[in-house]
Amino acid sequence: MKLGIGCDHGAYEYKTEIVEMLQEQGLEVIDCGCYDRKSVDYPDYAEKVANLVVAGDVDLGIVMCGTGIGISMAANKIKGIRCGLCTNTTMARLTREHNDANMLALGQRTTGIEVAKDIVNTFVNTEFSYGERHQKRIKKLHDLEEC
């Protein structure tokens, strides 16, 4: 599996630890930045990762900022992205199973690092259920993009 990952300065530490964890698991990771604690704008990094996902260059994307709110909002502006902000593993599992989310958002200031790692592992290792009701709802989400 190939993953894209990005963050702003508010989640630089988490991104560094999560990239290391994913690489230790043998996953390929494209790190879109940021690369230090210098203040940057989260929409720039959400867009970089989202574009990789939409282009099919990665299987899934992970984005992080202080709370995960802003960067998830930015990612969801990109056509074809379904980014779920998750604060626990149940949310991570269900956003993949029910919503076929192709991006995960996390917040460094709102979620402990061990929980964040568990969320990432759950997200990456959960497949979409392909349930009929879920497919119907995802189609409706897609149709909203056309408006």
C-alpha atoms as a PDB file:
ATOM      1  CA  MET A   1       0.000   0.000   0.000  1.00  0.00           C
ATOM      2  CA  LYS A   2       1.143   3.489  -0.834  1.00  0.00           C
ATOM      3  CA  LEU A   3       0.149   6.437   1.360  1.00  0.00           C
ATOM      4  CA  GLY A   4       0.396  10.205   1.040  1.00  0.00           C
ATOM      5  CA  ILE A   5       0.868  12.201   4.232  1.00  0.00           C
ATOM      6  CA  GLY A   6       1.025  15.882   5.038  1.00  0.00           C
ATOM      7  CA  CYS A   7       0.647  18.317   7.891  1.00  0.00           C
ATOM      8  CA  ASP A   8       1.043  21.900   8.954  1.00  0.00           C
ATOM      9  CA  HIS A   9       3.349  23.059  11.741  1.00  0.00           C
ATOM     10  CA  GLY A  10       0.728  22.143  14.357  1.00  0.00           C
ATOM     11  CA  ALA A  11       1.199  18.428  13.707  1.00  0.00           C
ATOM     12  CA  TYR A  12       4.797  18.153  12.549  1.00  0.00           C
ATOM     13  CA  GLU A  13       5.805  15.906  15.468  1.00  0.00           C
ATOM     14  CA  TYR A  14       2.932  13.472  14.894  1.00  0.00           C
ATOM     15  CA  LYS A  15       3.572  13.290  11.166  1.00  0.00           C
ATOM     16  CA  THR A  16       7.210  12.422  11.805  1.00  0.00           C
ATOM     17  CA  GLU A  17       6.301   9.603  14.212  1.00  0.00           C
ATOM     18  CA  ILE A  18       3.505   8.252  12.020  1.00  0.00           C
ATOM     19  CA  VAL A  19       5.667   8.226   8.884  1.00  0.00           C
ATOM     20  CA  GLU A  20       8.293   6.258  10.795  1.00  0.00           C
ATOM     21  CA  MET A  21       5.680   3.794  12.078  1.00  0.00           C
ATOM     22  CA  LEU A  22       4.208   3.233   8.609  1.00  0.00           C
ATOM     23  CA  GLN A  23       7.613   2.734   7.014  1.00  0.00           C
ATOM     24  CA  GLU A  24       8.545   0.220   9.729  1.00  0.00           C
ATOM     25  CA  GLN A  25       5.408  -1.688   8.693  1.00  0.00           C
ATOM     26  CA  GLY A  26       6.740  -1.825   5.144  1.00  0.00           C
ATOM     27  CA  LEU A  27       4.317   0.698   3.682  1.00  0.00           C
ATOM     28  CA  GLU A  28       5.440   3.213   1.087  1.00  0.00           C
ATOM     29  CA  VAL A  29       4.888   6.795   2.226  1.00  0.00           C
ATOM     30  CA  ILE A  30       5.060   9.979   0.178  1.00  0.00           C
ATOM     31  CA  ASP A  31       5.743  12.797   2.649  1.00  0.00           C
ATOM     32  CA  CYS A  32       4.270  16.034   1.308  1.00  0.00           C
ATOM     33  CA  GLY A  33       5.506  18.154   4.228  1.00  0.00           C
ATOM     34  CA  CYS A  34       5.717  20.254   6.178  1.00  0.00           C
ATOM     35  CA  TYR A  35       9.243  19.486   7.272  1.00  0.00           C
ATOM     36  CA  ASP A  36       9.703  21.590  10.423  1.00  0.00           C
ATOM     37  CA  ARG A  37       7.789  23.666  13.003  1.00  0.00           C
ATOM     38  CA  LYS A  38       7.861  26.904  10.972  1.00  0.00           C
ATOM     39  CA  SER A  39       4.351  28.317  10.551  1.00  0.00           C
ATOM     40  CA  VAL A  40       2.677  27.261   7.298  1.00  0.00           C
ATOM     41  CA  ASP A  41      -0.869  27.166   5.913  1.00  0.00           C
ATOM     42  CA  TYR A  42      -2.710  23.842   6.251  1.00  0.00           C
ATOM     43  CA  PRO A  43      -4.689  24.145   2.968  1.00  0.00           C
ATOM     44  CA  ASP A  44      -1.440  23.860   1.013  1.00  0.00           C
ATOM     45  CA  TYR A  45      -0.640  20.455   2.529  1.00  0.00           C
ATOM     46  CA  ALA A  46      -4.210  19.177   2.331  1.00  0.00           C
ATOM     47  CA  GLU A  47      -4.187  19.996  -1.373  1.00  0.00           C
ATOM     48  CA  LYS A  48      -0.856  18.252  -2.004  1.00  0.00           C
ATOM     49  CA  VAL A  49      -2.004  15.007  -0.398  1.00  0.00           C
ATOM     50  CA  ALA A  50      -5.519  15.187  -1.877  1.00  0.00           C
ATOM     51  CA  ASN A  51      -4.110  15.632  -5.371  1.00  0.00           C
ATOM     52  CA  LEU A  52      -2.020  12.469  -4.936  1.00  0.00           C
ATOM     53  CA  VAL A  53      -5.151  10.558  -3.876  1.00  0.00           C
ATOM     54  CA  VAL A  54      -7.304  11.857  -6.728  1.00  0.00           C
ATOM     55  CA  ALA A  55      -4.576  11.147  -9.289  1.00  0.00           C
ATOM     56  CA  GLY A  56      -4.275   7.571  -8.009  1.00  0.00           C
ATOM     57  CA  ASP A  57      -0.616   8.065  -7.098  1.00  0.00           C
ATOM     58  CA  VAL A  58      -1.399   6.823  -3.568  1.00  0.00           C
ATOM     59  CA  ASP A  59      -4.050   4.504  -2.167  1.00  0.00           C
ATOM     60  CA  LEU A  60      -4.971   6.681   0.812  1.00  0.00           C
ATOM     61  CA  GLY A  61      -4.038  10.029   2.300  1.00  0.00           C
ATOM     62  CA  ILE A  62      -3.416  11.174   5.860  1.00  0.00           C
ATOM     63  CA  VAL A  63      -3.414  14.846   6.853  1.00  0.00           C
ATOM     64  CA  MET A  64      -2.856  16.502  10.218  1.00  0.00           C
ATOM     65  CA  CYS A  65      -2.991  19.905  11.837  1.00  0.00           C
ATOM     66  CA  GLY A  66      -3.516  21.123  15.391  1.00  0.00           C
ATOM     67  CA  THR A  67      -7.115  19.941  15.609  1.00  0.00           C
ATOM     68  CA  GLY A  68      -7.587  18.176  12.281  1.00  0.00           C
ATOM     69  CA  ILE A  69     -10.588  20.395  11.561  1.00  0.00           C
ATOM     70  CA  GLY A  70      -9.082  22.919   9.169  1.00  0.00           C
ATOM     71  CA  ILE A  71      -7.040  20.431   7.189  1.00  0.00           C
ATOM     72  CA  SER A  72     -10.018  18.077   6.802  1.00  0.00           C
ATOM     73  CA  MET A  73     -12.170  20.955   5.564  1.00  0.00           C
ATOM     74  CA  ALA A  74      -9.470  21.897   3.048  1.00  0.00           C
ATOM     75  CA  ALA A  75      -9.056  18.309   1.820  1.00  0.00           C
ATOM     76  CA  ASN A  76     -12.802  17.914   1.336  1.00  0.00           C
ATOM     77  CA  LYS A  77     -12.801  20.900  -1.045  1.00  0.00           C
ATOM     78  CA  ILE A  78     -10.931  18.764  -3.584  1.00  0.00           C
ATOM     79  CA  LYS A  79     -13.272  16.927  -5.947  1.00  0.00           C
ATOM     80  CA  GLY A  80     -13.157  13.181  -5.291  1.00  0.00           C
ATOM     81  CA  ILE A  81     -11.955  13.412  -1.701  1.00  0.00           C
ATOM     82  CA  ARG A  82     -13.818  11.966   1.252  1.00  0.00           C
ATOM     83  CA  CYS A  83     -11.719  12.937   4.264  1.00  0.00           C
ATOM     84  CA  GLY A  84     -12.845  11.852   7.716  1.00  0.00           C
ATOM     85  CA  LEU A  85     -11.633  13.571  10.875  1.00  0.00           C
ATOM     86  CA  CYS A  86     -11.278  10.776  13.415  1.00  0.00           C
ATOM     87  CA  THR A  87     -10.588  10.925  17.137  1.00  0.00           C
ATOM     88  CA  ASN A  88     -10.898   7.210  17.892  1.00  0.00           C
ATOM     89  CA  THR A  89     -10.543   3.845  16.206  1.00  0.00           C
ATOM     90  CA  THR A  90     -14.291   3.271  15.878  1.00  0.00           C
ATOM     91  CA  MET A  91     -14.580   6.429  13.783  1.00  0.00           C
ATOM     92  CA  ALA A  92     -11.573   5.334  11.694  1.00  0.00           C
ATOM     93  CA  ARG A  93     -13.085   1.910  11.056  1.00  0.00           C
ATOM     94  CA  LEU A  94     -16.528   3.235  10.198  1.00  0.00           C
ATOM     95  CA  THR A  95     -15.301   6.030   7.944  1.00  0.00           C
ATOM     96  CA  ARG A  96     -13.597   3.375   5.823  1.00  0.00           C
ATOM     97  CA  GLU A  97     -16.342   0.703   6.064  1.00  0.00           C
ATOM     98  CA  HIS A  98     -19.339   2.995   5.547  1.00  0.00           C
ATOM     99  CA  ASN A  99     -18.020   6.137   3.828  1.00  0.00           C
ATOM    100  CA  ASP A 100     -15.148   4.668   1.809  1.00  0.00           C
ATOM    101  CA  ALA A 101     -13.057   7.603   3.040  1.00  0.00           C
ATOM    102  CA  ASN A 102      -9.896   7.993   1.018  1.00  0.00           C
ATOM    103  CA  MET A 103      -8.281  10.420   3.455  1.00  0.00           C
ATOM    104  CA  LEU A 104      -7.908  10.570   7.211  1.00  0.00           C
ATOM    105  CA  ALA A 105      -7.479  13.746   9.254  1.00  0.00           C
ATOM    106  CA  LEU A 106      -5.983  13.904  12.746  1.00  0.00           C
ATOM    107  CA  GLY A 107      -5.294  16.625  15.283  1.00  0.00           C
ATOM    108  CA  GLN A 108      -2.071  16.714  17.287  1.00  0.00           C
ATOM    109  CA  ARG A 109      -3.548  18.991  19.960  1.00  0.00           C
ATOM    110  CA  THR A 110      -6.680  16.882  20.396  1.00  0.00           C
ATOM    111  CA  THR A 111      -5.541  13.252  20.194  1.00  0.00           C
ATOM    112  CA  GLY A 112      -2.729  11.465  22.032  1.00  0.00           C
ATOM    113  CA  ILE A 113       0.047  10.007  19.892  1.00  0.00           C
ATOM    114  CA  GLU A 114      -0.644   6.351  20.755  1.00  0.00           C
ATOM    115  CA  VAL A 115      -4.334   6.793  19.982  1.00  0.00           C
ATOM    116  CA  ALA A 116      -3.393   8.588  16.742  1.00  0.00           C
ATOM    117  CA  LYS A 117      -1.189   5.654  15.742  1.00  0.00           C
ATOM    118  CA  ASP A 118      -4.030   3.218  16.481  1.00  0.00           C
ATOM    119  CA  ILE A 119      -6.394   5.374  14.407  1.00  0.00           C
ATOM    120  CA  VAL A 120      -3.965   5.367  11.480  1.00  0.00           C
ATOM    121  CA  ASN A 121      -3.498   1.599  11.663  1.00  0.00           C
ATOM    122  CA  THR A 122      -7.250   1.034  11.816  1.00  0.00           C
ATOM    123  CA  PHE A 123      -7.879   3.386   8.895  1.00  0.00           C
ATOM    124  CA  VAL A 124      -5.167   1.853   6.722  1.00  0.00           C
ATOM    125  CA  ASN A 125      -6.197  -1.736   7.472  1.00  0.00           C
ATOM    126  CA  THR A 126      -9.970  -1.379   7.074  1.00  0.00           C
ATOM    127  CA  GLU A 127     -11.692  -1.979   3.748  1.00  0.00           C
ATOM    128  CA  PHE A 128     -14.906  -0.476   2.426  1.00  0.00           C
ATOM    129  CA  SER A 129     -17.856  -2.810   3.125  1.00  0.00           C
ATOM    130  CA  TYR A 130     -19.479  -2.350  -0.307  1.00  0.00           C
ATOM    131  CA  GLY A 131     -22.873  -2.474   1.392  1.00  0.00           C
ATOM    132  CA  GLU A 132     -25.668  -1.388  -0.916  1.00  0.00           C
ATOM    133  CA  ARG A 133     -26.861   1.411   1.371  1.00  0.00           C
ATOM    134  CA  HIS A 134     -23.313   2.745   1.734  1.00  0.00           C
ATOM    135  CA  GLN A 135     -22.719   2.697  -2.013  1.00  0.00           C
ATOM    136  CA  LYS A 136     -25.968   4.613  -2.543  1.00  0.00           C
ATOM    137  CA  ARG A 137     -24.929   7.277  -0.032  1.00  0.00           C
ATOM    138  CA  ILE A 138     -21.450   7.640  -1.491  1.00  0.00           C
ATOM    139  CA  LYS A 139     -23.004   8.143  -4.923  1.00  0.00           C
ATOM    140  CA  LYS A 140     -25.116  10.920  -3.424  1.00  0.00           C
ATOM    141  CA  LEU A 141     -21.956  12.501  -1.994  1.00  0.00           C
ATOM    142  CA  HIS A 142     -20.360  12.290  -5.427  1.00  0.00           C
ATOM    143  CA  ASP A 143     -23.459  13.873  -7.000  1.00  0.00           C
ATOM    144  CA  LEU A 144     -23.133  16.833  -4.610  1.00  0.00           C
ATOM    145  CA  GLU A 145     -19.754  17.595  -6.202  1.00  0.00           C
ATOM    146  CA  GLU A 146     -21.515  18.129  -9.524  1.00  0.00           C
ATOM    147  CA  CYS A 147     -23.723  20.928  -8.153  1.00  0.00           C
END
